[in-house]
C-alpha atoms as a PDB file:
ATOM      1  CA  MET A   1      -1.834 -19.721 -48.140  1.00  0.00           C
ATOM      2  CA  SER A   2       1.433 -19.298 -46.645  1.00  0.00           C
ATOM      3  CA  GLY A   3       1.464 -15.808 -45.494  1.00  0.00           C
ATOM      4  CA  GLU A   4      -2.057 -16.880 -43.747  1.00  0.00           C
ATOM      5  CA  THR A   5       0.193 -19.195 -41.843  1.00  0.00           C
ATOM      6  CA  ASP A   6       3.298 -17.099 -41.092  1.00  0.00           C
ATOM      7  CA  LYS A   7       0.517 -14.336 -39.411  1.00  0.00           C
ATOM      8  CA  LYS A   8      -1.020 -17.773 -37.729  1.00  0.00           C
ATOM      9  CA  ALA A   9       2.828 -18.550 -36.322  1.00  0.00           C
ATOM     10  CA  GLY A  10       3.472 -14.527 -35.807  1.00  0.00           C
ATOM     11  CA  LYS A  11       0.418 -14.356 -33.525  1.00  0.00           C
ATOM     12  CA  ALA A  12       0.976 -17.783 -32.173  1.00  0.00           C
ATOM     13  CA  SER A  13       4.563 -16.544 -31.245  1.00  0.00           C
ATOM     14  CA  LEU A  14       2.884 -13.014 -30.001  1.00  0.00           C
ATOM     15  CA  TYR A  15       0.875 -15.067 -27.440  1.00  0.00           C
ATOM     16  CA  LEU A  16       3.532 -17.574 -26.274  1.00  0.00           C
ATOM     17  CA  ALA A  17       6.019 -14.175 -25.259  1.00  0.00           C
ATOM     18  CA  ALA A  18       3.051 -12.526 -22.962  1.00  0.00           C
ATOM     19  CA  ALA A  19       2.354 -15.950 -21.695  1.00  0.00           C
ATOM     20  CA  ALA A  20       6.323 -16.554 -20.808  1.00  0.00           C
ATOM     21  CA  PHE A  21       6.160 -13.133 -19.414  1.00  0.00           C
ATOM     22  CA  THR A  22       3.841 -13.344 -17.101  1.00  0.00           C
ATOM     23  CA  LEU A  23       5.028 -16.712 -15.609  1.00  0.00           C
ATOM     24  CA  SER A  24       8.047 -15.250 -15.117  1.00  0.00           C
ATOM     25  CA  ILE A  25       6.758 -11.841 -13.730  1.00  0.00           C
ATOM     26  CA  GLY A  26       4.471 -14.054 -11.593  1.00  0.00           C
ATOM     27  CA  PHE A  27       7.161 -16.611  -9.881  1.00  0.00           C
ATOM     28  CA  SER A  28       9.694 -13.935  -9.459  1.00  0.00           C
ATOM     29  CA  PHE A  29       8.338 -12.926  -5.767  1.00  0.00           C
ATOM     30  CA  PHE A  30       9.173 -16.980  -4.556  1.00  0.00           C
ATOM     31  CA  GLY A  31      12.751 -16.284  -6.252  1.00  0.00           C
ATOM     32  CA  ILE A  32      12.891 -13.121  -4.002  1.00  0.00           C
ATOM     33  CA  LYS A  33      12.020 -14.999  -1.035  1.00  0.00           C
ATOM     34  CA  LYS A  34      14.236 -17.910  -1.669  1.00  0.00           C
ATOM     35  CA  CYS A  35      17.364 -15.173  -1.966  1.00  0.00           C
ATOM     36  CA  VAL A  36      16.364 -12.695   1.141  1.00  0.00           C
ATOM     37  CA  PRO A  37      17.923 -14.552   3.915  1.00  0.00           C
ATOM     38  CA  TYR A  38      21.159 -14.718   2.149  1.00  0.00           C
ATOM     39  CA  GLY A  39      21.528 -10.502   1.430  1.00  0.00           C
ATOM     40  CA  ASP A  40      19.637  -7.167   1.398  1.00  0.00           C
ATOM     41  CA  THR A  41      18.081  -5.645  -1.535  1.00  0.00           C
ATOM     42  CA  LEU A  42      20.867  -3.953  -3.093  1.00  0.00           C
ATOM     43  CA  THR A  43      22.889  -6.767  -3.048  1.00  0.00           C
ATOM     44  CA  LEU A  44      20.198  -8.924  -4.690  1.00  0.00           C
ATOM     45  CA  LEU A  45      19.684  -6.190  -6.983  1.00  0.00           C
ATOM     46  CA  ALA A  46      23.654  -6.544  -7.520  1.00  0.00           C
ATOM     47  CA  TYR A  47      23.398 -10.006  -7.994  1.00  0.00           C
ATOM     48  CA  ARG A  48      20.456 -10.297 -10.117  1.00  0.00           C
ATOM     49  CA  TYR A  49      21.390  -7.773 -13.200  1.00  0.00           C
ATOM     50  CA  ALA A  50      25.166  -9.392 -13.289  1.00  0.00           C
ATOM     51  CA  ALA A  51      22.776 -12.844 -13.690  1.00  0.00           C
ATOM     52  CA  ALA A  52      21.124 -10.720 -16.305  1.00  0.00           C
ATOM     53  CA  LEU A  53      24.482  -9.045 -17.866  1.00  0.00           C
ATOM     54  CA  ILE A  54      25.828 -13.144 -18.266  1.00  0.00           C
ATOM     55  CA  GLY A  55      23.123 -14.128 -19.954  1.00  0.00           C
ATOM     56  CA  VAL A  56      22.540 -11.486 -22.436  1.00  0.00           C
ATOM     57  CA  VAL A  57      26.318 -12.055 -23.104  1.00  0.00           C
ATOM     58  CA  ILE A  58      25.901 -15.710 -23.947  1.00  0.00           C
ATOM     59  CA  PHE A  59      22.630 -15.238 -25.503  1.00  0.00           C
ATOM     60  CA  SER A  60      24.270 -12.359 -28.398  1.00  0.00           C
ATOM     61  CA  CYS A  61      27.205 -14.961 -28.499  1.00  0.00           C
ATOM     62  CA  VAL A  62      25.001 -18.272 -29.545  1.00  0.00           C
ATOM     63  CA  SER A  63      22.883 -15.584 -31.815  1.00  0.00           C
ATOM     64  CA  LYS A  64      26.097 -14.397 -33.806  1.00  0.00           C
ATOM     65  CA  ALA A  65      27.518 -17.492 -33.888  1.00  0.00           C
ATOM     66  CA  LEU A  66      24.043 -18.612 -35.540  1.00  0.00           C
ATOM     67  CA  GLY A  67      23.640 -15.578 -37.913  1.00  0.00           C
ATOM     68  CA  ASN A  68      20.215 -14.563 -35.856  1.00  0.00           C
ATOM     69  CA  TYR A  69      22.294 -11.423 -34.284  1.00  0.00           C
ATOM     70  CA  PRO A  70      19.914  -8.133 -35.854  1.00  0.00           C
ATOM     71  CA  PRO A  71      23.045  -6.780 -38.131  1.00  0.00           C
ATOM     72  CA  ALA A  72      23.712  -3.257 -36.707  1.00  0.00           C
ATOM     73  CA  ARG A  73      21.905  -0.021 -39.032  1.00  0.00           C
ATOM     74  CA  PRO A  74      24.084   2.847 -39.464  1.00  0.00           C
ATOM     75  CA  GLY A  75      22.534   6.400 -39.061  1.00  0.00           C
ATOM     76  CA  ARG A  76      19.883   5.423 -36.073  1.00  0.00           C
ATOM     77  CA  PRO A  77      19.736   7.543 -32.999  1.00  0.00           C
ATOM     78  CA  LYS A  78      21.682   5.461 -30.401  1.00  0.00           C
ATOM     79  CA  GLY A  79      20.138   8.219 -28.053  1.00  0.00           C
ATOM     80  CA  LYS A  80      16.387   6.776 -28.359  1.00  0.00           C
ATOM     81  CA  LEU A  81      17.522   3.107 -27.464  1.00  0.00           C
ATOM     82  CA  TYR A  82      18.877   4.014 -24.205  1.00  0.00           C
ATOM     83  CA  GLN A  83      15.289   5.814 -23.136  1.00  0.00           C
ATOM     84  CA  PRO A  84      13.369   2.537 -22.662  1.00  0.00           C
ATOM     85  CA  ALA A  85      16.640   1.399 -20.602  1.00  0.00           C
ATOM     86  CA  ALA A  86      17.024   4.776 -18.654  1.00  0.00           C
ATOM     87  CA  PHE A  87      12.904   4.651 -17.561  1.00  0.00           C
ATOM     88  CA  TYR A  88      13.404   1.128 -16.697  1.00  0.00           C
ATOM     89  CA  ILE A  89      16.345   1.201 -14.187  1.00  0.00           C
ATOM     90  CA  LEU A  90      14.618   4.185 -12.745  1.00  0.00           C
ATOM     91  CA  PHE A  91      11.411   2.729 -11.940  1.00  0.00           C
ATOM     92  CA  MET A  92      13.655  -0.222 -10.244  1.00  0.00           C
ATOM     93  CA  ILE A  93      15.627   2.674  -8.072  1.00  0.00           C
ATOM     94  CA  LEU A  94      12.763   4.820  -7.032  1.00  0.00           C
ATOM     95  CA  GLN A  95      10.737   1.130  -6.067  1.00  0.00           C
ATOM     96  CA  ILE A  96      13.215   0.355  -3.898  1.00  0.00           C
ATOM     97  CA  PHE A  97      12.937   3.972  -2.440  1.00  0.00           C
ATOM     98  CA  ALA A  98       9.889   3.667  -2.322  1.00  0.00           C
ATOM     99  CA  MET A  99       9.651   0.914   0.081  1.00  0.00           C
ATOM    100  CA  TYR A 100      11.394   2.845   3.007  1.00  0.00           C
ATOM    101  CA  PHE A 101       7.846   4.377   3.341  1.00  0.00           C
ATOM    102  CA  ALA A 102       5.216   2.523   1.685  1.00  0.00           C
ATOM    103  CA  THR A 103       4.115  -1.307   2.195  1.00  0.00           C
ATOM    104  CA  SER A 104       4.106  -3.779  -0.269  1.00  0.00           C
ATOM    105  CA  ILE A 105       0.365  -3.628  -0.714  1.00  0.00           C
ATOM    106  CA  GLU A 106       0.696   0.217  -1.300  1.00  0.00           C
ATOM    107  CA  GLY A 107       3.345  -0.806  -3.946  1.00  0.00           C
ATOM    108  CA  ALA A 108       1.385  -3.750  -5.414  1.00  0.00           C
ATOM    109  CA  ILE A 109      -1.812  -0.829  -5.387  1.00  0.00           C
ATOM    110  CA  VAL A 110      -0.007   1.858  -7.170  1.00  0.00           C
ATOM    111  CA  TYR A 111       2.307  -0.547  -9.810  1.00  0.00           C
ATOM    112  CA  ALA A 112      -1.786  -1.534 -10.884  1.00  0.00           C
ATOM    113  CA  MET A 113      -1.907   1.224 -12.287  1.00  0.00           C
ATOM    114  CA  VAL A 114       1.117   0.933 -15.052  1.00  0.00           C
ATOM    115  CA  PRO A 115      -1.888   0.086 -17.586  1.00  0.00           C
ATOM    116  CA  ILE A 116      -3.834   3.084 -17.306  1.00  0.00           C
ATOM    117  CA  PHE A 117      -0.630   5.432 -17.144  1.00  0.00           C
ATOM    118  CA  ALA A 118       0.978   3.771 -20.035  1.00  0.00           C
ATOM    119  CA  LYS A 119      -2.462   4.314 -21.939  1.00  0.00           C
ATOM    120  CA  ILE A 120      -2.534   7.764 -21.149  1.00  0.00           C
ATOM    121  CA  ILE A 121       0.997   8.945 -21.653  1.00  0.00           C
ATOM    122  CA  GLY A 122       0.930   6.532 -25.555  1.00  0.00           C
ATOM    123  CA  ARG A 123      -2.016   8.428 -26.551  1.00  0.00           C
ATOM    124  CA  ILE A 124      -0.369  11.941 -25.763  1.00  0.00           C
ATOM    125  CA  THR A 125       3.246  11.141 -27.158  1.00  0.00           C
ATOM    126  CA  LEU A 126       2.627   8.681 -29.570  1.00  0.00           C
ATOM    127  CA  GLY A 127      -1.036   9.062 -30.420  1.00  0.00           C
ATOM    128  CA  GLU A 128      -1.925   5.520 -29.926  1.00  0.00           C
ATOM    129  CA  ARG A 129      -5.342   4.912 -29.844  1.00  0.00           C
ATOM    130  CA  SER A 130      -7.511   2.290 -28.076  1.00  0.00           C
ATOM    131  CA  THR A 131     -11.366   1.357 -28.847  1.00  0.00           C
ATOM    132  CA  ARG A 132     -14.140   1.458 -26.432  1.00  0.00           C
ATOM    133  CA  LEU A 133     -13.835  -2.417 -25.972  1.00  0.00           C
ATOM    134  CA  GLN A 134     -10.356  -2.588 -25.450  1.00  0.00           C
ATOM    135  CA  ASN A 135     -10.766   0.161 -22.700  1.00  0.00           C
ATOM    136  CA  PHE A 136     -13.489  -1.830 -20.975  1.00  0.00           C
ATOM    137  CA  PHE A 137     -11.123  -4.628 -20.580  1.00  0.00           C
ATOM    138  CA  VAL A 138      -8.433  -2.711 -19.124  1.00  0.00           C
ATOM    139  CA  VAL A 139     -10.529  -1.277 -16.691  1.00  0.00           C
ATOM    140  CA  LEU A 140     -12.134  -4.919 -15.846  1.00  0.00           C
ATOM    141  CA  THR A 141      -8.797  -5.973 -15.658  1.00  0.00           C
ATOM    142  CA  VAL A 142      -7.149  -3.477 -13.450  1.00  0.00           C
ATOM    143  CA  SER A 143     -10.525  -2.912 -10.856  1.00  0.00           C
ATOM    144  CA  ALA A 144     -10.526  -6.398 -10.556  1.00  0.00           C
ATOM    145  CA  LEU A 145      -6.309  -6.461  -9.619  1.00  0.00           C
ATOM    146  CA  LEU A 146      -6.983  -3.129  -7.018  1.00  0.00           C
ATOM    147  CA  VAL A 147      -9.997  -5.704  -5.473  1.00  0.00           C
ATOM    148  CA  LEU A 148      -7.934  -8.881  -5.524  1.00  0.00           C
ATOM    149  CA  ILE A 149      -4.650  -6.555  -3.574  1.00  0.00           C
ATOM    150  CA  ILE A 150      -6.968  -4.807  -1.323  1.00  0.00           C
ATOM    151  CA  LEU A 151      -8.844  -7.675  -0.383  1.00  0.00           C
ATOM    152  CA  ASN A 152      -6.119  -9.865   0.107  1.00  0.00           C
ATOM    153  CA  ALA A 153      -4.129  -7.521   2.400  1.00  0.00           C
ATOM    154  CA  ALA A 154      -4.285  -8.021   6.554  1.00  0.00           C
ATOM    155  CA  ASP A 155      -3.754  -4.171   6.780  1.00  0.00           C
ATOM    156  CA  ILE A 156      -3.359  -1.083   4.569  1.00  0.00           C
ATOM    157  CA  HIS A 157      -1.551   2.345   6.008  1.00  0.00           C
ATOM    158  CA  LEU A 158      -1.386   5.144   3.507  1.00  0.00           C
ATOM    159  CA  ASN A 159       2.130   6.811   3.745  1.00  0.00           C
ATOM    160  CA  VAL A 160       2.012   9.705   1.146  1.00  0.00           C
ATOM    161  CA  THR A 161       5.526  10.423   0.863  1.00  0.00           C
ATOM    162  CA  GLY A 162       5.779   6.116  -0.124  1.00  0.00           C
ATOM    163  CA  LEU A 163       2.420   6.904  -2.619  1.00  0.00           C
ATOM    164  CA  VAL A 164       4.144   9.548  -4.362  1.00  0.00           C
ATOM    165  CA  ILE A 165       7.399   7.673  -4.916  1.00  0.00           C
ATOM    166  CA  MET A 166       5.269   4.832  -5.643  1.00  0.00           C
ATOM    167  CA  THR A 167       3.387   6.625  -8.266  1.00  0.00           C
ATOM    168  CA  VAL A 168       6.494   8.442  -9.966  1.00  0.00           C
ATOM    169  CA  SER A 169       8.309   4.449 -10.423  1.00  0.00           C
ATOM    170  CA  SER A 170       4.915   3.345 -11.487  1.00  0.00           C
ATOM    171  CA  ILE A 171       5.092   6.137 -14.282  1.00  0.00           C
ATOM    172  CA  PHE A 172       8.658   5.224 -15.229  1.00  0.00           C
ATOM    173  CA  MET A 173       7.479   1.782 -15.813  1.00  0.00           C
ATOM    174  CA  ALA A 174       4.322   2.856 -18.216  1.00  0.00           C
ATOM    175  CA  CYS A 175       7.410   5.602 -20.240  1.00  0.00           C
ATOM    176  CA  GLN A 176       9.455   3.036 -20.424  1.00  0.00           C
ATOM    177  CA  ASN A 177       6.524   0.717 -21.994  1.00  0.00           C
ATOM    178  CA  VAL A 178       5.779   3.896 -24.290  1.00  0.00           C
ATOM    179  CA  SER A 179       9.677   4.636 -25.018  1.00  0.00           C
ATOM    180  CA  ALA A 180      10.160   0.490 -26.261  1.00  0.00           C
ATOM    181  CA  ARG A 181       7.213   0.743 -27.845  1.00  0.00           C
ATOM    182  CA  TYR A 182       8.021   3.920 -30.149  1.00  0.00           C
ATOM    183  CA  VAL A 183      11.656   2.330 -31.041  1.00  0.00           C
ATOM    184  CA  ARG A 184      10.145  -0.815 -32.330  1.00  0.00           C
ATOM    185  CA  GLY A 185      11.728  -1.335 -35.943  1.00  0.00           C
ATOM    186  CA  VAL A 186      14.477   0.388 -35.419  1.00  0.00           C
ATOM    187  CA  PHE A 187      15.915  -1.295 -32.314  1.00  0.00           C
ATOM    188  CA  ALA A 188      15.069  -4.878 -32.170  1.00  0.00           C
ATOM    189  CA  PRO A 189      14.176  -6.357 -28.632  1.00  0.00           C
ATOM    190  CA  ILE A 190      17.829  -7.605 -27.688  1.00  0.00           C
ATOM    191  CA  GLU A 191      19.535  -4.458 -28.483  1.00  0.00           C
ATOM    192  CA  ILE A 192      16.926  -2.656 -25.729  1.00  0.00           C
ATOM    193  CA  THR A 193      17.237  -5.499 -23.110  1.00  0.00           C
ATOM    194  CA  THR A 194      20.945  -5.441 -23.802  1.00  0.00           C
ATOM    195  CA  CYS A 195      20.678  -1.891 -22.677  1.00  0.00           C
ATOM    196  CA  ILE A 196      18.468  -2.431 -19.810  1.00  0.00           C
ATOM    197  CA  ALA A 197      21.259  -5.630 -18.215  1.00  0.00           C
ATOM    198  CA  VAL A 198      24.144  -3.145 -18.697  1.00  0.00           C
ATOM    199  CA  GLY A 199      22.802  -0.120 -17.355  1.00  0.00           C
ATOM    200  CA  GLY A 200      21.754  -2.089 -14.199  1.00  0.00           C
ATOM    201  CA  PHE A 201      24.650  -4.091 -13.787  1.00  0.00           C
ATOM    202  CA  VAL A 202      27.017  -0.809 -13.527  1.00  0.00           C
ATOM    203  CA  ILE A 203      24.384   0.912 -11.363  1.00  0.00           C
ATOM    204  CA  PHE A 204      23.461  -1.962  -8.826  1.00  0.00           C
ATOM    205  CA  PHE A 205      26.283  -3.846  -8.665  1.00  0.00           C
ATOM    206  CA  GLY A 206      28.603  -1.171  -8.643  1.00  0.00           C
ATOM    207  CA  SER A 207      26.519   0.610  -5.928  1.00  0.00           C
ATOM    208  CA  ALA A 208      26.996  -2.438  -4.099  1.00  0.00           C
ATOM    209  CA  VAL A 209      30.680  -2.372  -4.605  1.00  0.00           C
ATOM    210  CA  ILE A 210      31.244   1.454  -3.330  1.00  0.00           C
ATOM    211  CA  ARG A 211      29.737   0.414  -0.248  1.00  0.00           C
ATOM    212  CA  ALA A 212      31.847  -2.393   0.189  1.00  0.00           C
ATOM    213  CA  LEU A 213      34.454  -0.372  -0.013  1.00  0.00           C
ATOM    214  CA  ILE A 214      33.131   2.390   2.148  1.00  0.00           C
ATOM    215  CA  ARG A 215      32.369  -0.102   4.615  1.00  0.00           C
ATOM    216  CA  ASN A 216      35.305  -2.114   3.993  1.00  0.00           C
ATOM    217  CA  ASP A 217      33.074  -5.723   4.154  1.00  0.00           C
ATOM    218  CA  PHE A 218      34.533  -7.354   0.706  1.00  0.00           C
ATOM    219  CA  ALA A 219      33.813 -10.508   2.627  1.00  0.00           C
ATOM    220  CA  GLY A 220      30.193  -9.796   3.256  1.00  0.00           C
ATOM    221  CA  LEU A 221      29.455  -8.917  -0.757  1.00  0.00           C
ATOM    222  CA  PHE A 222      30.482 -12.171  -1.894  1.00  0.00           C
ATOM    223  CA  GLU A 223      29.325 -14.249   1.193  1.00  0.00           C
ATOM    224  CA  PRO A 224      25.669 -14.945  -0.705  1.00  0.00           C
ATOM    225  CA  LEU A 225      27.827 -16.856  -3.394  1.00  0.00           C
ATOM    226  CA  THR A 226      28.745 -19.397  -0.754  1.00  0.00           C
ATOM    227  CA  HIS A 227      25.368 -20.615  -0.619  1.00  0.00           C
ATOM    228  CA  PRO A 228      24.014 -22.530  -3.828  1.00  0.00           C
ATOM    229  CA  GLU A 229      20.152 -21.862  -2.933  1.00  0.00           C
ATOM    230  CA  PHE A 230      21.353 -18.055  -3.425  1.00  0.00           C
ATOM    231  CA  VAL A 231      23.400 -18.630  -6.099  1.00  0.00           C
ATOM    232  CA  ILE A 232      20.203 -21.284  -8.470  1.00  0.00           C
ATOM    233  CA  TRP A 233      17.777 -18.525  -7.453  1.00  0.00           C
ATOM    234  CA  VAL A 234      19.515 -15.299  -8.073  1.00  0.00           C
ATOM    235  CA  SER A 235      20.079 -16.498 -11.387  1.00  0.00           C
ATOM    236  CA  PHE A 236      16.620 -17.584 -12.430  1.00  0.00           C
ATOM    237  CA  LEU A 237      15.937 -13.749 -11.419  1.00  0.00           C
ATOM    238  CA  GLY A 238      18.512 -12.494 -13.177  1.00  0.00           C
ATOM    239  CA  ILE A 239      17.969 -14.127 -16.369  1.00  0.00           C
ATOM    240  CA  PHE A 240      14.064 -14.932 -16.505  1.00  0.00           C
ATOM    241  CA  CYS A 241      12.833 -12.262 -14.472  1.00  0.00           C
ATOM    242  CA  ILE A 242      14.556  -9.588 -16.181  1.00  0.00           C
ATOM    243  CA  LEU A 243      16.649 -10.798 -18.958  1.00  0.00           C
ATOM    244  CA  LEU A 244      13.999 -12.801 -20.644  1.00  0.00           C
ATOM    245  CA  SER A 245      11.190 -10.847 -19.080  1.00  0.00           C
ATOM    246  CA  ALA A 246      12.617  -7.434 -20.478  1.00  0.00           C
ATOM    247  CA  GLN A 247      13.259  -9.423 -23.807  1.00  0.00           C
ATOM    248  CA  PHE A 248       9.027 -10.669 -23.916  1.00  0.00           C
ATOM    249  CA  MET A 249       7.711  -7.692 -23.451  1.00  0.00           C
ATOM    250  CA  ALA A 250       9.842  -5.532 -25.486  1.00  0.00           C
ATOM    251  CA  PHE A 251       8.944  -8.283 -28.397  1.00  0.00           C
ATOM    252  CA  MET A 252       5.557  -7.231 -27.379  1.00  0.00           C
ATOM    253  CA  LEU A 253       5.594  -3.899 -27.575  1.00  0.00           C
ATOM    254  CA  ALA A 254       6.706  -4.501 -31.001  1.00  0.00           C
ATOM    255  CA  HIS A 255       3.718  -5.792 -32.120  1.00  0.00           C
ATOM    256  CA  MET A 256       0.955  -5.294 -30.007  1.00  0.00           C
ATOM    257  CA  GLN A 257      -0.274  -2.153 -28.427  1.00  0.00           C
ATOM    258  CA  ILE A 258       1.081  -0.792 -25.592  1.00  0.00           C
ATOM    259  CA  ILE A 259      -2.677  -1.280 -23.352  1.00  0.00           C
ATOM    260  CA  GLN A 260      -2.327  -4.635 -24.651  1.00  0.00           C
ATOM    261  CA  SER A 261       0.932  -5.475 -23.714  1.00  0.00           C
ATOM    262  CA  THR A 262       0.533  -3.695 -19.927  1.00  0.00           C
ATOM    263  CA  VAL A 263      -2.296  -5.668 -19.012  1.00  0.00           C
ATOM    264  CA  PHE A 264      -0.123  -8.951 -18.696  1.00  0.00           C
ATOM    265  CA  ASN A 265       1.454  -7.114 -15.748  1.00  0.00           C
ATOM    266  CA  SER A 266      -2.357  -7.482 -14.429  1.00  0.00           C
ATOM    267  CA  ALA A 267      -1.706 -11.133 -15.170  1.00  0.00           C
ATOM    268  CA  SER A 268       1.407 -11.737 -13.507  1.00  0.00           C
ATOM    269  CA  THR A 269       0.141 -10.546  -9.968  1.00  0.00           C
ATOM    270  CA  LEU A 270      -2.512 -13.408 -10.369  1.00  0.00           C
ATOM    271  CA  ILE A 271      -0.005 -15.722 -10.977  1.00  0.00           C
ATOM    272  CA  SER A 272       2.542 -14.889  -8.046  1.00  0.00           C
ATOM    273  CA  ILE A 273      -1.176 -15.256  -5.772  1.00  0.00           C
ATOM    274  CA  ILE A 274      -1.773 -18.540  -7.228  1.00  0.00           C
ATOM    275  CA  ALA A 275       1.882 -20.036  -6.920  1.00  0.00           C
ATOM    276  CA  GLY A 276       1.756 -18.612  -3.094  1.00  0.00           C
ATOM    277  CA  ALA A 277      -1.399 -21.131  -2.634  1.00  0.00           C
ATOM    278  CA  LEU A 278       0.265 -23.863  -4.515  1.00  0.00           C
ATOM    279  CA  ILE A 279       3.683 -23.449  -3.177  1.00  0.00           C
ATOM    280  CA  LEU A 280       3.735 -21.948   0.041  1.00  0.00           C
ATOM    281  CA  GLY A 281       0.315 -23.381   0.802  1.00  0.00           C
ATOM    282  CA  GLU A 282      -0.829 -20.020   1.614  1.00  0.00           C
ATOM    283  CA  PRO A 283      -4.904 -19.823   1.405  1.00  0.00           C
ATOM    284  CA  LEU A 284      -7.572 -19.086  -1.102  1.00  0.00           C
ATOM    285  CA  CYS A 285     -10.461 -17.015  -0.664  1.00  0.00           C
ATOM    286  CA  TRP A 286     -13.970 -17.113  -2.864  1.00  0.00           C
ATOM    287  CA  TYR A 287     -12.304 -13.190  -3.887  1.00  0.00           C
ATOM    288  CA  HIS A 288      -9.166 -14.742  -5.275  1.00  0.00           C
ATOM    289  CA  TYR A 289     -11.449 -16.904  -7.433  1.00  0.00           C
ATOM    290  CA  LEU A 290     -14.143 -13.817  -8.634  1.00  0.00           C
ATOM    291  CA  CYS A 291     -10.977 -11.428  -9.112  1.00  0.00           C
ATOM    292  CA  GLY A 292      -8.888 -14.114 -10.490  1.00  0.00           C
ATOM    293  CA  ALA A 293     -11.572 -14.859 -13.212  1.00  0.00           C
ATOM    294  CA  LEU A 294     -12.343 -11.250 -14.166  1.00  0.00           C
ATOM    295  CA  ILE A 295      -8.910 -10.132 -14.719  1.00  0.00           C
ATOM    296  CA  LEU A 296      -7.827 -13.464 -16.717  1.00  0.00           C
ATOM    297  CA  ALA A 297     -11.139 -12.117 -18.725  1.00  0.00           C
ATOM    298  CA  GLY A 298      -9.804  -8.730 -19.133  1.00  0.00           C
ATOM    299  CA  VAL A 299      -6.644 -10.344 -20.337  1.00  0.00           C
ATOM    300  CA  VAL A 300      -8.319 -12.615 -22.567  1.00  0.00           C
ATOM    301  CA  GLY A 301     -10.502  -9.868 -24.071  1.00  0.00           C
ATOM    302  CA  MET A 302      -8.159  -7.516 -24.656  1.00  0.00           C
ATOM    303  CA  THR A 303      -6.078  -9.934 -26.418  1.00  0.00           C
ATOM    304  CA  LEU A 304      -8.816 -10.919 -28.674  1.00  0.00           C
ATOM    305  CA  ALA A 305     -10.326  -6.922 -29.353  1.00  0.00           C
ATOM    306  CA  PRO A 306      -9.933  -5.957 -32.325  1.00  0.00           C
ATOM    307  CA  ALA A 307      -7.454  -2.643 -33.150  1.00  0.00           C
ATOM    308  CA  GLU A 308      -7.475  -1.157 -36.141  1.00  0.00           C
ATOM    309  CA  GLU A 309      -3.231  -0.551 -37.734  1.00  0.00           C
ATOM    310  CA  ALA A 310      -4.062   3.322 -38.030  1.00  0.00           C
ATOM    311  CA  ASN A 311      -4.529   3.050 -33.742  1.00  0.00           C
ATOM    312  CA  SER A 312      -1.033   2.164 -33.448  1.00  0.00           C
ATOM    313  CA  GLY A 313       0.267   5.271 -33.218  1.00  0.00           C
ATOM    314  CA  LYS A 314       3.257   6.597 -34.526  1.00  0.00           C
ATOM    315  CA  SER A 315       6.985   5.310 -34.488  1.00  0.00           C
ATOM    316  CA  LEU A 316      10.599   6.085 -34.616  1.00  0.00           C
ATOM    317  CA  GLN A 317      11.175   5.021 -38.140  1.00  0.00           C
ATOM    318  CA  ASP A 318       7.714   7.470 -39.448  1.00  0.00           C
ATOM    319  CA  ASP A 319      10.011  10.105 -37.527  1.00  0.00           C
ATOM    320  CA  LEU A 320      12.745   9.239 -39.070  1.00  0.00           C
ATOM    321  CA  ASP A 321      11.255   9.342 -42.620  1.00  0.00           C
ATOM    322  CA  GLY A 322       9.452  12.352 -42.255  1.00  0.00           C
ATOM    323  CA  ASN A 323      13.224  13.357 -41.521  1.00  0.00           C
ATOM    324  CA  LYS A 324      14.173  12.203 -44.833  1.00  0.00           C
ATOM    325  CA  LYS A 325      11.247  13.813 -46.825  1.00  0.00           C
ATOM    326  CA  ARG A 326      12.276  17.301 -45.664  1.00  0.00           C
END
């Protein structure tokens, strides 16, 4: 009875993490809109990762003080830990670069394909298999999301360069999901999140400082911090939309198949649209309700769709165990 209770509690924690991930990503657009008047993209990213790094330091210190931080295990290949972080940061860099060529609508369309990319890459590299029912639900979710994005767009101008860069960016995001799934059980979610926060801070804040040096404009770099609204919302973007969302996703990938975890990205886009209607007064049309219902049906169906343990694919621990036996 105790084992069954623990199993139910574990599932409840997993679905709670999935819901929190969906909400944090879904509301990120609102925080970005609040920060845009005070700084450009690089400045915003620099302070987002600065906030994420501060959050990681506080979280780690508290966890260690309470004895909840995962103990260091000797002999682990640290290079495997850096892969998920590297893919995540490359995704963000290319996503920003692509925005100089493509529109945000084009980016949303391509980003909606991440679950498909992740499924293919996970099947090739990890041997993770999905059932026909899971395939049906992921196609339903992605298709409904694509229709929603296209109908919601006032105008779409295709730019080949932007689409190519955005596609590569989305593939990097899919690779991040696959690599985070691969290292499950060997590296804890907080270790992956720490690498993302540290790497992002070094790259983006470092770039912002270098730009300030070249322009001799350190006043411009620190000027956004004089606005309380910017500090509040950039902290939200760093702590909730980078630190916690990365933590939640890493936790989900440690316990869910890739195809199940990544489909929650589609639900986050739906949350963004609903939040825009409720908070910013943006209009809702019939297709919002229809596509929203289909997306929710796909996410719920994917969550409940049965998946055998044998379908989970190999992990880093499997490879380490195999090397020991040789």
